[in-house]
N, C-alpha and C. Protein backbone atom coordinates (compact mmCIF):
# COMPACT_ATOMS: atom_id res chain seq x y z
N UNK A 1 0.85 -1.18 0.00
CA UNK A 1 0.00 0.00 0.00
C UNK A 1 0.89 1.24 0.00
N UNK A 2 0.45 2.22 -0.72
CA UNK A 2 1.15 3.48 -0.76
C UNK A 2 0.14 4.58 -0.51
N UNK A 3 0.57 5.66 0.09
CA UNK A 3 -0.32 6.77 0.34
C UNK A 3 0.23 8.03 -0.30
N UNK A 4 -0.65 8.95 -0.55
CA UNK A 4 -0.25 10.28 -1.02
C UNK A 4 -1.00 11.28 -0.16
N UNK A 5 -0.75 11.22 1.11
CA UNK A 5 -1.47 12.05 2.07
C UNK A 5 -2.34 11.17 2.95
N UNK A 6 -2.86 11.71 4.03
CA UNK A 6 -3.60 10.90 5.00
C UNK A 6 -4.93 10.36 4.48
N UNK A 7 -5.51 10.98 3.46
CA UNK A 7 -6.83 10.55 3.02
C UNK A 7 -6.84 9.93 1.62
N UNK A 8 -5.66 9.69 1.02
CA UNK A 8 -5.60 9.17 -0.34
C UNK A 8 -4.65 7.98 -0.39
N UNK A 9 -5.20 6.84 -0.75
CA UNK A 9 -4.41 5.62 -0.78
C UNK A 9 -4.53 4.96 -2.15
N UNK A 10 -3.47 4.28 -2.53
CA UNK A 10 -3.51 3.53 -3.78
C UNK A 10 -2.61 2.31 -3.66
N UNK A 11 -2.86 1.35 -4.51
CA UNK A 11 -2.07 0.14 -4.59
C UNK A 11 -1.86 -0.16 -6.07
N UNK A 12 -0.63 -0.54 -6.40
CA UNK A 12 -0.30 -0.92 -7.78
C UNK A 12 0.31 -2.31 -7.72
N UNK A 13 -0.22 -3.20 -8.54
CA UNK A 13 0.32 -4.56 -8.60
C UNK A 13 0.34 -5.05 -10.04
N UNK A 14 1.08 -6.11 -10.27
CA UNK A 14 1.19 -6.65 -11.63
C UNK A 14 -0.15 -7.13 -12.17
N UNK A 15 -0.91 -7.84 -11.35
CA UNK A 15 -2.19 -8.39 -11.80
C UNK A 15 -3.00 -8.79 -10.58
N UNK A 16 -4.27 -9.02 -10.78
CA UNK A 16 -5.16 -9.52 -9.73
C UNK A 16 -6.21 -10.39 -10.40
N UNK A 17 -5.97 -11.70 -10.37
CA UNK A 17 -6.85 -12.63 -11.08
C UNK A 17 -8.26 -12.67 -10.51
N UNK A 18 -8.42 -12.32 -9.24
CA UNK A 18 -9.78 -12.32 -8.67
C UNK A 18 -10.61 -11.15 -9.19
N UNK A 19 -10.00 -10.25 -9.95
CA UNK A 19 -10.69 -9.08 -10.50
C UNK A 19 -11.04 -9.27 -11.99
N UNK A 20 -10.80 -10.47 -12.52
CA UNK A 20 -11.07 -10.71 -13.94
C UNK A 20 -12.55 -10.50 -14.23
N UNK A 21 -12.82 -9.68 -15.24
CA UNK A 21 -14.21 -9.36 -15.61
C UNK A 21 -14.75 -10.44 -16.52
N UNK A 22 -15.93 -10.93 -16.20
CA UNK A 22 -16.66 -11.80 -17.13
C UNK A 22 -17.52 -10.88 -17.97
N UNK A 23 -16.95 -10.36 -19.03
CA UNK A 23 -17.56 -9.29 -19.81
C UNK A 23 -18.87 -9.64 -20.47
N UNK A 24 -19.82 -8.73 -20.33
CA UNK A 24 -21.11 -8.82 -21.01
C UNK A 24 -21.00 -8.11 -22.35
N UNK A 25 -20.29 -7.00 -22.37
CA UNK A 25 -20.04 -6.27 -23.59
C UNK A 25 -18.73 -5.49 -23.44
N UNK A 26 -18.25 -4.97 -24.56
CA UNK A 26 -17.03 -4.17 -24.56
C UNK A 26 -17.35 -2.79 -25.10
N UNK A 27 -17.05 -1.78 -24.31
CA UNK A 27 -17.18 -0.39 -24.77
C UNK A 27 -15.92 -0.05 -25.54
N UNK A 28 -16.10 0.54 -26.71
CA UNK A 28 -14.94 0.92 -27.53
C UNK A 28 -14.97 2.41 -27.81
N UNK A 29 -13.81 3.01 -27.80
CA UNK A 29 -13.65 4.42 -28.15
C UNK A 29 -12.25 4.59 -28.72
N UNK A 30 -12.08 5.63 -29.51
CA UNK A 30 -10.74 5.93 -30.00
C UNK A 30 -10.62 7.42 -30.25
N UNK A 31 -9.39 7.89 -30.28
CA UNK A 31 -9.12 9.29 -30.55
C UNK A 31 -7.71 9.42 -31.08
N UNK A 32 -7.43 10.54 -31.72
CA UNK A 32 -6.07 10.81 -32.17
C UNK A 32 -5.17 10.91 -30.95
N UNK A 33 -3.98 10.35 -31.07
CA UNK A 33 -3.02 10.38 -29.96
C UNK A 33 -1.62 10.46 -30.54
N UNK A 34 -0.74 11.01 -29.78
CA UNK A 34 0.65 11.12 -30.21
C UNK A 34 1.30 9.75 -30.25
N UNK A 35 1.93 9.45 -31.36
CA UNK A 35 2.71 8.21 -31.47
C UNK A 35 4.05 8.44 -30.80
N UNK A 36 4.40 7.56 -29.90
CA UNK A 36 5.67 7.67 -29.19
C UNK A 36 6.48 6.40 -29.45
N UNK A 37 7.66 6.54 -29.95
CA UNK A 37 8.49 5.38 -30.27
C UNK A 37 9.31 4.90 -29.09
N UNK A 38 10.06 3.84 -29.33
CA UNK A 38 11.03 3.28 -28.38
C UNK A 38 10.43 2.76 -27.08
N UNK A 39 9.32 2.08 -27.18
CA UNK A 39 8.80 1.44 -25.98
C UNK A 39 9.55 0.14 -25.74
N UNK A 40 9.51 -0.33 -24.50
CA UNK A 40 10.24 -1.55 -24.15
C UNK A 40 9.36 -2.78 -24.24
N UNK A 41 8.06 -2.60 -24.31
CA UNK A 41 7.14 -3.74 -24.42
C UNK A 41 5.76 -3.34 -23.98
N UNK A 42 4.85 -4.30 -24.07
CA UNK A 42 3.49 -4.08 -23.60
C UNK A 42 3.50 -4.06 -22.07
N UNK A 43 2.49 -3.44 -21.50
CA UNK A 43 2.42 -3.31 -20.04
C UNK A 43 1.09 -3.86 -19.53
N UNK A 44 1.11 -4.37 -18.30
CA UNK A 44 -0.10 -4.83 -17.61
C UNK A 44 0.05 -4.52 -16.14
N UNK A 45 -1.02 -4.00 -15.54
CA UNK A 45 -1.02 -3.80 -14.10
C UNK A 45 -2.46 -3.58 -13.62
N UNK A 46 -2.59 -3.52 -12.31
CA UNK A 46 -3.86 -3.25 -11.64
C UNK A 46 -3.62 -2.12 -10.65
N UNK A 47 -4.53 -1.15 -10.65
CA UNK A 47 -4.46 -0.02 -9.74
C UNK A 47 -5.73 0.00 -8.90
N UNK A 48 -5.56 0.14 -7.61
CA UNK A 48 -6.70 0.25 -6.69
C UNK A 48 -6.57 1.57 -5.95
N UNK A 49 -7.67 2.27 -5.77
CA UNK A 49 -7.65 3.55 -5.07
C UNK A 49 -8.72 3.58 -3.99
N UNK A 50 -8.44 4.41 -2.99
CA UNK A 50 -9.39 4.65 -1.90
C UNK A 50 -9.14 6.06 -1.40
N UNK A 51 -10.21 6.84 -1.31
CA UNK A 51 -10.11 8.20 -0.76
C UNK A 51 -11.00 8.27 0.46
N UNK A 52 -10.49 8.86 1.51
CA UNK A 52 -11.24 9.00 2.75
C UNK A 52 -11.64 10.45 2.94
N UNK A 53 -12.87 10.68 3.35
CA UNK A 53 -13.29 12.05 3.63
C UNK A 53 -14.78 12.17 3.81
N UNK A 54 -15.19 12.96 4.76
CA UNK A 54 -16.60 13.23 4.97
C UNK A 54 -17.44 12.02 5.28
N UNK A 55 -16.84 11.00 5.89
CA UNK A 55 -17.58 9.79 6.23
C UNK A 55 -17.73 8.83 5.06
N UNK A 56 -17.18 9.17 3.92
CA UNK A 56 -17.25 8.29 2.76
C UNK A 56 -15.85 7.80 2.41
N UNK A 57 -15.78 6.71 1.69
CA UNK A 57 -14.50 6.22 1.20
C UNK A 57 -14.66 5.64 -0.19
N UNK A 58 -14.80 6.52 -1.20
CA UNK A 58 -14.93 6.06 -2.57
C UNK A 58 -13.72 5.21 -2.96
N UNK A 59 -13.99 4.07 -3.57
CA UNK A 59 -12.92 3.15 -3.93
C UNK A 59 -13.18 2.54 -5.29
N UNK A 60 -12.12 2.11 -5.93
CA UNK A 60 -12.21 1.50 -7.25
C UNK A 60 -10.96 0.66 -7.51
N UNK A 61 -11.12 -0.37 -8.29
CA UNK A 61 -10.00 -1.19 -8.73
C UNK A 61 -10.16 -1.40 -10.23
N UNK A 62 -9.11 -1.09 -10.98
CA UNK A 62 -9.09 -1.28 -12.44
C UNK A 62 -7.76 -1.88 -12.85
N UNK A 63 -7.80 -2.73 -13.84
CA UNK A 63 -6.58 -3.28 -14.38
C UNK A 63 -6.73 -3.59 -15.84
N UNK A 64 -5.60 -3.65 -16.50
CA UNK A 64 -5.63 -3.96 -17.91
C UNK A 64 -4.26 -3.90 -18.53
N UNK A 65 -4.26 -3.80 -19.84
CA UNK A 65 -3.02 -3.82 -20.59
C UNK A 65 -2.95 -2.64 -21.55
N UNK A 66 -1.73 -2.34 -21.96
CA UNK A 66 -1.48 -1.27 -22.91
C UNK A 66 -0.41 -1.74 -23.88
N UNK A 67 -0.72 -1.67 -25.16
CA UNK A 67 0.22 -2.04 -26.22
C UNK A 67 0.45 -0.81 -27.09
N UNK A 68 1.55 -0.09 -26.88
CA UNK A 68 1.83 1.11 -27.67
C UNK A 68 2.05 0.74 -29.14
N UNK A 69 1.77 1.70 -30.02
CA UNK A 69 2.07 1.53 -31.44
C UNK A 69 2.30 2.90 -32.07
N UNK A 70 2.55 2.91 -33.35
CA UNK A 70 2.84 4.15 -34.06
C UNK A 70 1.67 4.61 -34.93
N UNK A 71 0.48 4.14 -34.65
CA UNK A 71 -0.69 4.41 -35.50
C UNK A 71 -1.20 5.84 -35.42
N UNK A 72 -0.90 6.55 -34.34
CA UNK A 72 -1.44 7.89 -34.14
C UNK A 72 -2.87 7.86 -33.60
N UNK A 73 -3.35 6.69 -33.17
CA UNK A 73 -4.69 6.53 -32.59
C UNK A 73 -4.57 5.79 -31.26
N UNK A 74 -5.32 6.24 -30.28
CA UNK A 74 -5.47 5.50 -29.03
C UNK A 74 -6.81 4.80 -29.10
N UNK A 75 -6.79 3.48 -29.02
CA UNK A 75 -8.01 2.68 -29.02
C UNK A 75 -8.21 2.17 -27.60
N UNK A 76 -9.41 2.39 -27.08
CA UNK A 76 -9.74 2.01 -25.71
C UNK A 76 -10.85 0.97 -25.75
N UNK A 77 -10.62 -0.15 -25.08
CA UNK A 77 -11.64 -1.20 -24.94
C UNK A 77 -11.83 -1.46 -23.46
N UNK A 78 -13.07 -1.30 -23.00
CA UNK A 78 -13.39 -1.49 -21.59
C UNK A 78 -14.45 -2.57 -21.49
N UNK A 79 -14.09 -3.68 -20.86
CA UNK A 79 -15.07 -4.74 -20.63
C UNK A 79 -16.01 -4.30 -19.52
N UNK A 80 -17.28 -4.57 -19.71
CA UNK A 80 -18.26 -4.23 -18.68
C UNK A 80 -19.02 -5.50 -18.29
N UNK A 81 -19.42 -5.55 -17.04
CA UNK A 81 -20.18 -6.69 -16.54
C UNK A 81 -21.68 -6.43 -16.59
N UNK A 82 -22.10 -5.39 -17.30
CA UNK A 82 -23.52 -5.10 -17.48
C UNK A 82 -23.99 -4.01 -16.53
N UNK A 83 -25.30 -3.96 -16.31
CA UNK A 83 -25.87 -2.89 -15.51
C UNK A 83 -26.01 -3.25 -14.03
N UNK A 84 -25.90 -4.53 -13.69
CA UNK A 84 -26.08 -4.97 -12.31
C UNK A 84 -24.97 -4.43 -11.43
N UNK A 85 -25.34 -3.85 -10.30
CA UNK A 85 -24.35 -3.30 -9.38
C UNK A 85 -24.30 -4.14 -8.10
N UNK A 86 -24.67 -5.40 -8.21
CA UNK A 86 -24.62 -6.30 -7.07
C UNK A 86 -23.64 -7.43 -7.33
N UNK A 87 -23.57 -8.34 -6.40
CA UNK A 87 -22.70 -9.50 -6.56
C UNK A 87 -21.99 -9.84 -5.28
N UNK A 88 -21.28 -10.96 -5.31
CA UNK A 88 -20.54 -11.41 -4.14
C UNK A 88 -19.18 -10.74 -4.09
N UNK A 89 -18.80 -10.33 -2.90
CA UNK A 89 -17.49 -9.71 -2.71
C UNK A 89 -16.44 -10.81 -2.74
N UNK A 90 -15.75 -10.94 -3.87
CA UNK A 90 -14.74 -11.98 -4.03
C UNK A 90 -13.47 -11.46 -4.68
N UNK A 91 -13.37 -10.16 -4.85
CA UNK A 91 -12.21 -9.54 -5.49
C UNK A 91 -11.28 -9.04 -4.39
N UNK A 92 -10.05 -9.53 -4.39
CA UNK A 92 -9.07 -9.17 -3.36
C UNK A 92 -8.76 -7.68 -3.39
N UNK A 93 -8.67 -7.09 -2.22
CA UNK A 93 -8.31 -5.69 -2.07
C UNK A 93 -7.10 -5.59 -1.16
N UNK A 94 -6.20 -4.67 -1.48
CA UNK A 94 -5.06 -4.41 -0.61
C UNK A 94 -5.31 -3.20 0.29
N UNK A 95 -6.43 -2.51 0.08
CA UNK A 95 -6.67 -1.27 0.81
C UNK A 95 -7.80 -1.35 1.84
N UNK A 96 -8.71 -2.31 1.68
CA UNK A 96 -9.85 -2.41 2.59
C UNK A 96 -10.46 -3.80 2.43
N UNK A 97 -11.75 -3.91 2.68
CA UNK A 97 -12.43 -5.19 2.55
C UNK A 97 -12.53 -5.61 1.09
N UNK A 98 -12.88 -6.87 0.86
CA UNK A 98 -12.98 -7.37 -0.51
C UNK A 98 -14.01 -6.59 -1.31
N UNK A 99 -13.82 -6.59 -2.60
CA UNK A 99 -14.69 -5.87 -3.53
C UNK A 99 -15.53 -6.86 -4.34
N UNK A 100 -16.56 -6.36 -4.98
CA UNK A 100 -17.34 -7.16 -5.92
C UNK A 100 -16.59 -7.15 -7.24
N UNK A 101 -16.38 -8.32 -7.80
CA UNK A 101 -15.68 -8.43 -9.08
C UNK A 101 -16.60 -7.98 -10.20
N UNK A 102 -16.07 -7.14 -11.09
CA UNK A 102 -16.83 -6.70 -12.26
C UNK A 102 -16.77 -5.19 -12.43
N UNK A 103 -17.39 -4.73 -13.51
CA UNK A 103 -17.40 -3.31 -13.83
C UNK A 103 -18.77 -2.96 -14.41
N UNK A 104 -19.70 -2.53 -13.55
CA UNK A 104 -21.02 -2.13 -14.03
C UNK A 104 -20.90 -1.01 -15.07
N UNK A 105 -21.86 -0.94 -15.95
CA UNK A 105 -21.83 -0.01 -17.07
C UNK A 105 -21.56 1.43 -16.64
N UNK A 106 -22.21 1.90 -15.57
CA UNK A 106 -22.01 3.29 -15.15
C UNK A 106 -20.55 3.56 -14.78
N UNK A 107 -19.89 2.59 -14.15
CA UNK A 107 -18.48 2.76 -13.79
C UNK A 107 -17.58 2.56 -15.01
N UNK A 108 -17.98 1.69 -15.93
CA UNK A 108 -17.21 1.47 -17.16
C UNK A 108 -17.16 2.75 -17.99
N UNK A 109 -18.27 3.46 -18.07
CA UNK A 109 -18.30 4.72 -18.82
C UNK A 109 -17.39 5.76 -18.18
N UNK A 110 -17.37 5.80 -16.86
CA UNK A 110 -16.48 6.72 -16.15
C UNK A 110 -15.02 6.35 -16.38
N UNK A 111 -14.71 5.06 -16.33
CA UNK A 111 -13.34 4.61 -16.59
C UNK A 111 -12.92 4.97 -18.01
N UNK A 112 -13.81 4.76 -18.96
CA UNK A 112 -13.53 5.12 -20.35
C UNK A 112 -13.23 6.62 -20.47
N UNK A 113 -14.03 7.45 -19.81
CA UNK A 113 -13.79 8.90 -19.84
C UNK A 113 -12.43 9.26 -19.25
N UNK A 114 -12.06 8.62 -18.17
CA UNK A 114 -10.75 8.87 -17.58
C UNK A 114 -9.62 8.51 -18.52
N UNK A 115 -9.76 7.40 -19.23
CA UNK A 115 -8.74 6.99 -20.19
C UNK A 115 -8.69 7.94 -21.38
N UNK A 116 -9.85 8.41 -21.83
CA UNK A 116 -9.89 9.34 -22.96
C UNK A 116 -9.17 10.65 -22.63
N UNK A 117 -9.23 11.08 -21.38
CA UNK A 117 -8.60 12.33 -20.95
C UNK A 117 -7.16 12.15 -20.48
N UNK A 118 -6.68 10.94 -20.43
CA UNK A 118 -5.40 10.65 -19.78
C UNK A 118 -4.17 11.13 -20.52
N UNK A 119 -4.26 11.36 -21.81
CA UNK A 119 -3.07 11.75 -22.58
C UNK A 119 -2.19 10.56 -22.94
N UNK A 120 -2.71 9.35 -22.81
CA UNK A 120 -1.97 8.14 -23.16
C UNK A 120 -1.61 8.18 -24.64
N UNK A 121 -0.40 7.73 -24.98
CA UNK A 121 0.06 7.71 -26.36
C UNK A 121 -0.69 6.68 -27.20
N UNK A 122 -0.47 6.72 -28.50
CA UNK A 122 -1.21 5.83 -29.40
C UNK A 122 -0.93 4.36 -29.08
N UNK A 123 -1.94 3.55 -29.33
CA UNK A 123 -1.87 2.13 -29.06
C UNK A 123 -3.23 1.61 -28.64
N UNK A 124 -3.24 0.44 -28.04
CA UNK A 124 -4.46 -0.20 -27.56
C UNK A 124 -4.39 -0.37 -26.06
N UNK A 125 -5.38 0.18 -25.36
CA UNK A 125 -5.50 -0.07 -23.93
C UNK A 125 -6.80 -0.84 -23.72
N UNK A 126 -6.71 -1.91 -22.94
CA UNK A 126 -7.86 -2.77 -22.70
C UNK A 126 -8.02 -2.99 -21.20
N UNK A 127 -9.19 -2.64 -20.68
CA UNK A 127 -9.51 -2.86 -19.27
C UNK A 127 -10.23 -4.20 -19.16
N UNK A 128 -9.65 -5.13 -18.40
CA UNK A 128 -10.25 -6.46 -18.25
C UNK A 128 -10.23 -6.95 -16.79
N UNK A 129 -9.90 -6.05 -15.87
CA UNK A 129 -9.92 -6.35 -14.44
C UNK A 129 -10.63 -5.20 -13.74
N UNK A 130 -11.50 -5.52 -12.80
CA UNK A 130 -12.18 -4.46 -12.05
C UNK A 130 -12.82 -5.03 -10.79
N UNK A 131 -12.95 -4.15 -9.81
CA UNK A 131 -13.66 -4.47 -8.59
C UNK A 131 -14.27 -3.19 -8.04
N UNK A 132 -15.44 -3.32 -7.41
CA UNK A 132 -16.14 -2.15 -6.90
C UNK A 132 -16.84 -2.49 -5.59
N UNK A 133 -17.17 -1.44 -4.87
CA UNK A 133 -17.96 -1.55 -3.65
C UNK A 133 -19.35 -1.03 -3.99
N UNK A 134 -20.40 -1.83 -3.82
CA UNK A 134 -21.75 -1.41 -4.22
C UNK A 134 -22.22 -0.14 -3.50
N UNK A 135 -21.66 0.17 -2.35
CA UNK A 135 -22.07 1.35 -1.58
C UNK A 135 -21.08 2.50 -1.76
N UNK A 136 -19.79 2.23 -1.66
CA UNK A 136 -18.78 3.27 -1.61
C UNK A 136 -18.22 3.70 -2.96
N UNK A 137 -18.27 2.85 -3.97
CA UNK A 137 -17.69 3.22 -5.27
C UNK A 137 -18.52 4.30 -5.94
N UNK A 138 -17.85 5.05 -6.82
CA UNK A 138 -18.53 6.12 -7.54
C UNK A 138 -17.92 6.26 -8.93
N UNK A 139 -18.63 6.95 -9.80
CA UNK A 139 -18.10 7.23 -11.12
C UNK A 139 -16.80 7.99 -11.05
N UNK A 140 -16.72 8.99 -10.17
CA UNK A 140 -15.50 9.77 -10.03
C UNK A 140 -14.33 8.90 -9.59
N UNK A 141 -14.58 7.96 -8.68
CA UNK A 141 -13.51 7.07 -8.23
C UNK A 141 -12.95 6.27 -9.40
N UNK A 142 -13.83 5.79 -10.28
CA UNK A 142 -13.36 5.02 -11.43
C UNK A 142 -12.68 5.90 -12.47
N UNK A 143 -13.13 7.11 -12.63
CA UNK A 143 -12.50 8.04 -13.56
C UNK A 143 -11.06 8.36 -13.12
N UNK A 144 -10.90 8.68 -11.85
CA UNK A 144 -9.57 8.98 -11.31
C UNK A 144 -8.66 7.76 -11.34
N UNK A 145 -9.22 6.60 -11.05
CA UNK A 145 -8.43 5.37 -11.07
C UNK A 145 -7.97 5.05 -12.48
N UNK A 146 -8.83 5.28 -13.48
CA UNK A 146 -8.45 5.05 -14.88
C UNK A 146 -7.32 5.99 -15.29
N UNK A 147 -7.39 7.24 -14.88
CA UNK A 147 -6.31 8.18 -15.19
C UNK A 147 -4.99 7.73 -14.56
N UNK A 148 -5.07 7.26 -13.33
CA UNK A 148 -3.87 6.77 -12.64
C UNK A 148 -3.34 5.51 -13.31
N UNK A 149 -4.22 4.62 -13.71
CA UNK A 149 -3.82 3.41 -14.43
C UNK A 149 -3.07 3.78 -15.70
N UNK A 150 -3.55 4.78 -16.43
CA UNK A 150 -2.89 5.21 -17.66
C UNK A 150 -1.47 5.71 -17.38
N UNK A 151 -1.29 6.45 -16.30
CA UNK A 151 0.05 6.94 -15.92
C UNK A 151 1.00 5.76 -15.73
N UNK A 152 0.54 4.75 -15.00
CA UNK A 152 1.39 3.60 -14.69
C UNK A 152 1.66 2.76 -15.94
N UNK A 153 0.62 2.48 -16.73
CA UNK A 153 0.79 1.65 -17.92
C UNK A 153 1.77 2.29 -18.91
N UNK A 154 1.63 3.58 -19.12
CA UNK A 154 2.53 4.22 -20.07
C UNK A 154 3.98 4.20 -19.57
N UNK A 155 4.18 4.51 -18.29
CA UNK A 155 5.53 4.48 -17.74
C UNK A 155 6.13 3.07 -17.86
N UNK A 156 5.36 2.06 -17.56
CA UNK A 156 5.85 0.68 -17.66
C UNK A 156 6.21 0.34 -19.10
N UNK A 157 5.36 0.71 -20.06
CA UNK A 157 5.59 0.38 -21.47
C UNK A 157 6.85 1.04 -22.01
N UNK A 158 7.20 2.20 -21.45
CA UNK A 158 8.36 2.93 -21.94
C UNK A 158 9.56 2.81 -20.99
N UNK A 159 9.46 1.92 -20.00
CA UNK A 159 10.59 1.64 -19.12
C UNK A 159 10.96 2.76 -18.18
N UNK A 160 9.98 3.56 -17.78
CA UNK A 160 10.25 4.68 -16.87
C UNK A 160 9.72 4.36 -15.47
N UNK A 161 10.35 4.96 -14.48
CA UNK A 161 9.84 4.88 -13.11
C UNK A 161 8.56 5.71 -13.05
N UNK A 162 7.60 5.29 -12.25
CA UNK A 162 6.32 5.99 -12.20
C UNK A 162 5.94 6.50 -10.82
N UNK A 163 6.71 6.21 -9.80
CA UNK A 163 6.32 6.56 -8.43
C UNK A 163 6.04 8.05 -8.26
N UNK A 164 6.93 8.90 -8.74
CA UNK A 164 6.73 10.35 -8.56
C UNK A 164 5.51 10.84 -9.33
N UNK A 165 5.30 10.34 -10.56
CA UNK A 165 4.14 10.75 -11.35
C UNK A 165 2.84 10.30 -10.69
N UNK A 166 2.85 9.12 -10.12
CA UNK A 166 1.67 8.60 -9.43
C UNK A 166 1.37 9.45 -8.19
N UNK A 167 2.39 9.73 -7.40
CA UNK A 167 2.20 10.56 -6.20
C UNK A 167 1.62 11.92 -6.57
N UNK A 168 2.16 12.54 -7.63
CA UNK A 168 1.67 13.86 -8.06
C UNK A 168 0.23 13.78 -8.53
N UNK A 169 -0.12 12.75 -9.28
CA UNK A 169 -1.49 12.60 -9.77
C UNK A 169 -2.47 12.42 -8.62
N UNK A 170 -2.12 11.63 -7.65
CA UNK A 170 -3.01 11.37 -6.51
C UNK A 170 -3.16 12.64 -5.65
N UNK A 171 -2.08 13.37 -5.47
CA UNK A 171 -2.16 14.62 -4.70
C UNK A 171 -3.06 15.64 -5.40
N UNK A 172 -3.17 15.58 -6.72
CA UNK A 172 -3.96 16.56 -7.49
C UNK A 172 -5.45 16.21 -7.51
N UNK A 173 -5.84 15.07 -6.98
CA UNK A 173 -7.26 14.70 -6.98
C UNK A 173 -8.09 15.73 -6.24
N UNK A 174 -9.35 15.89 -6.67
CA UNK A 174 -10.26 16.80 -5.93
C UNK A 174 -10.57 16.26 -4.55
């Protein structure tokens, strides 16, 4: 676990198999993006976030892969588990109690928006891991987590350290 202040926590790990989404559909979006050369390989990781404040603790877990390319387009694919916001808590968490595995449509749309705004270079990013809390999770939590995931995936793909960028991004959260 890492913190960026007393009320902002995040965890970054290589993968979390208990967060694998059994996708009902895939949301797709694309936009022009800067092609960046000299990557070291494709990247995969899982990012979990938790913010404390005002008696609430919005939390989200997202994971996926990023394959950079020189196409000049960023293609985003987000697996969604449908509209149901229920389920059994079986997704491992490093920050609090277990989460429900999956990505309901409302959170998938927020994650997609976060990725669209992230400034990620051209390539394919695919979200295929997620966990949520039926009470505490929010669209904003998934949007911020997606932006943070993009920071980590891009740094990994290009062989850069990401700790300072992650700390700065988390400190800038509303």
